[in-house]
Structures are given as C-alpha cells and as structure tokens.
Amino acid sequence: MTMLKGFMVGAPRAFVLIELLLVLVVIAILAGGFFSRNNNIADSKSTYQMSIGRSNNTACIANRTVLKTSVEMYRMARPNEPVDTEHMKAAGFQTPSCPQGGVYAFQADGSITCTKHP
C-alpha cells in the first residue's frame, strides 16, 4: 500500500472508532432533547409523551366526527330507536372507539363527549 498525502491508497477506508463515538454522541444529544422532561409544565411529561397525548386527542376528535355522521345516518334510518353504540353496531353502522379506551356519550343536543378527552 502506498501513502498519498496522508491517505492510504488501495485499501478500503473504514470508520474509525472516534467517528462512531461522535455519531453516538450526536444521537444521544438528539434523543435526550426529545425524551427530556419539560420543567415548565405541572405534570412534567416528556416531549414524546406530550406528542402521543396530542395525537390520541386528535384521533379521538376525528373518531367523534365520524361517529356523529354515523349517528345522523342511524337516526334517519331508525327514527324511533334509541341511539347508543350497541344499537348502532347491531344495525351495522360504523362505531369507532377512543384510542385510550374512553367511552363516548351521546348528548341531547347532538354532541358526543368522551370520558378521556374533553
């Protein structure tokens, strides 16, 4: 093997241990920022936990919107029957559920509430 201005010619260049350690340090810093706790919030959740909570809340809102459309279709098809998820499932209507296991309640004004997400 010959040396050409500080580099070896002809040999495959491999990662050096220091380069790998530097990459691991950068990944650790980025992960530490993502999984760190927020001190200004009372419950002190990490960024990851807050992201999951927001996505579950958004999914619950979307499910309630779909459920509201299904309730309207159910009321048009069966005007004299009570509206709840069991009757709707039996009739073959789509009844989504809360991603965190909350229970949907049908209000008199037509709104739908969740026990987990206000």
Protein backbone atom coordinates (compact mmCIF):
# COMPACT_ATOMS: atom_id res chain seq x y z
CA MET A 1 0.00 0.00 0.00
CA THR A 2 1.24 3.41 -0.83
CA MET A 3 0.73 6.66 1.02
CA LEU A 4 -0.58 9.62 -0.93
CA LYS A 5 -0.68 12.88 1.02
CA GLY A 6 -1.69 11.24 4.31
CA PHE A 7 -4.24 8.77 2.91
CA MET A 8 -3.73 5.13 2.18
CA VAL A 9 -4.37 4.26 -1.44
CA GLY A 10 -5.69 0.84 -2.39
CA ALA A 11 -7.17 -0.12 0.99
CA PRO A 12 -10.86 0.30 1.69
CA ARG A 13 -11.47 3.15 4.10
CA ALA A 14 -13.31 2.07 7.24
CA PHE A 15 -14.93 4.07 10.01
CA VAL A 16 -12.62 4.95 12.81
CA LEU A 17 -13.68 4.36 16.38
CA ILE A 18 -13.71 8.09 17.08
CA GLU A 19 -16.10 8.72 14.17
CA LEU A 20 -18.50 6.11 15.51
CA LEU A 21 -18.31 7.56 19.02
CA LEU A 22 -19.02 11.03 17.63
CA VAL A 23 -22.12 9.75 15.83
CA LEU A 24 -23.31 8.07 19.04
CA VAL A 25 -22.82 11.30 20.99
CA VAL A 26 -24.85 13.28 18.45
CA ILE A 27 -27.66 10.69 18.54
CA ALA A 28 -27.62 10.73 22.35
CA ILE A 29 -27.90 14.52 22.41
CA LEU A 30 -30.83 14.50 19.97
CA ALA A 31 -32.61 11.71 21.85
CA GLY A 32 -32.00 13.44 25.16
CA GLY A 33 -33.71 16.56 23.85
CA PHE A 34 -36.67 14.57 22.59
CA PHE A 35 -37.19 12.44 25.68
CA SER A 36 -36.31 15.13 28.23
CA ARG A 37 -38.86 16.38 30.72
CA ASN A 38 -40.40 19.82 30.40
CA ASN A 39 -39.90 21.62 33.69
CA ASN A 40 -42.40 24.38 32.99
CA ILE A 41 -45.39 22.02 32.85
CA ALA A 42 -47.08 20.88 36.04
CA ASP A 43 -47.27 17.18 35.15
CA SER A 44 -43.72 17.21 33.72
CA LYS A 45 -44.26 14.95 30.70
CA SER A 46 -41.54 14.36 28.14
CA THR A 47 -41.84 15.68 24.61
CA TYR A 48 -42.54 12.15 23.40
CA GLN A 49 -45.36 11.66 25.92
CA MET A 50 -46.88 15.03 25.01
CA SER A 51 -46.74 14.13 21.30
CA ILE A 52 -48.51 10.82 21.92
CA GLY A 53 -51.13 12.57 24.06
CA ARG A 54 -51.82 15.18 21.38
CA SER A 55 -52.10 12.52 18.67
CA ASN A 56 -54.54 10.49 20.80
CA ASN A 57 -56.60 13.62 21.42
CA THR A 58 -56.69 14.41 17.69
CA ALA A 59 -57.66 10.81 16.86
CA CYS A 60 -60.47 10.95 19.43
CA ILE A 61 -61.80 14.18 17.89
CA ALA A 62 -61.71 12.60 14.42
CA ASN A 63 -63.48 9.47 15.73
CA ARG A 64 -66.23 11.61 17.29
CA THR A 65 -66.72 13.39 13.95
CA VAL A 66 -67.11 10.04 12.17
CA LEU A 67 -69.41 8.83 14.93
CA LYS A 68 -71.56 11.96 14.64
CA THR A 69 -72.06 11.28 10.93
CA SER A 70 -72.95 7.66 11.71
CA VAL A 71 -75.44 8.79 14.37
CA GLU A 72 -77.17 11.10 11.87
CA MET A 73 -77.44 8.24 9.36
CA TYR A 74 -78.72 5.91 12.11
CA ARG A 75 -81.38 8.44 13.19
CA MET A 76 -82.55 8.83 9.61
CA ALA A 77 -82.79 5.05 9.11
CA ARG A 78 -84.31 4.27 12.55
CA PRO A 79 -86.02 7.38 13.96
CA ASN A 80 -87.80 5.61 16.84
CA GLU A 81 -84.90 3.58 18.22
CA PRO A 82 -82.54 4.82 20.96
CA VAL A 83 -79.09 5.94 19.90
CA ASP A 84 -76.15 4.21 21.56
CA THR A 85 -73.14 2.29 20.31
CA GLU A 86 -74.65 -1.15 20.94
CA HIS A 87 -77.74 -0.45 18.81
CA MET A 88 -75.60 1.13 16.10
CA LYS A 89 -73.21 -1.85 15.97
CA ALA A 90 -76.16 -4.24 15.78
CA ALA A 91 -77.56 -2.24 12.85
CA GLY A 92 -74.19 -2.40 11.05
CA PHE A 93 -73.12 1.22 11.45
CA GLN A 94 -69.51 2.25 11.96
CA THR A 95 -68.77 2.97 15.61
CA PRO A 96 -65.16 3.99 16.22
CA SER A 97 -63.73 3.90 19.72
CA CYS A 98 -61.45 6.19 21.70
CA PRO A 99 -57.72 5.37 21.24
CA GLN A 100 -57.20 5.50 25.02
CA GLY A 101 -60.25 3.43 25.93
CA GLY A 102 -62.64 6.28 26.71
CA VAL A 103 -66.40 5.84 26.43
CA TYR A 104 -68.43 8.03 24.09
CA ALA A 105 -71.63 9.54 25.44
CA PHE A 106 -74.38 10.95 23.25
CA GLN A 107 -75.77 14.28 24.47
CA ALA A 108 -79.29 15.60 23.90
CA ASP A 109 -78.01 18.50 21.78
CA GLY A 110 -76.39 16.04 19.34
CA SER A 111 -72.84 16.40 20.57
CA ILE A 112 -70.68 13.43 21.51
CA THR A 113 -68.37 13.54 24.52
CA CYS A 114 -65.55 11.27 25.60
CA THR A 115 -64.68 10.28 29.16
CA LYS A 116 -60.93 10.57 28.48
CA HIS A 117 -60.80 13.61 26.18
CA PRO A 118 -62.96 16.66 26.98
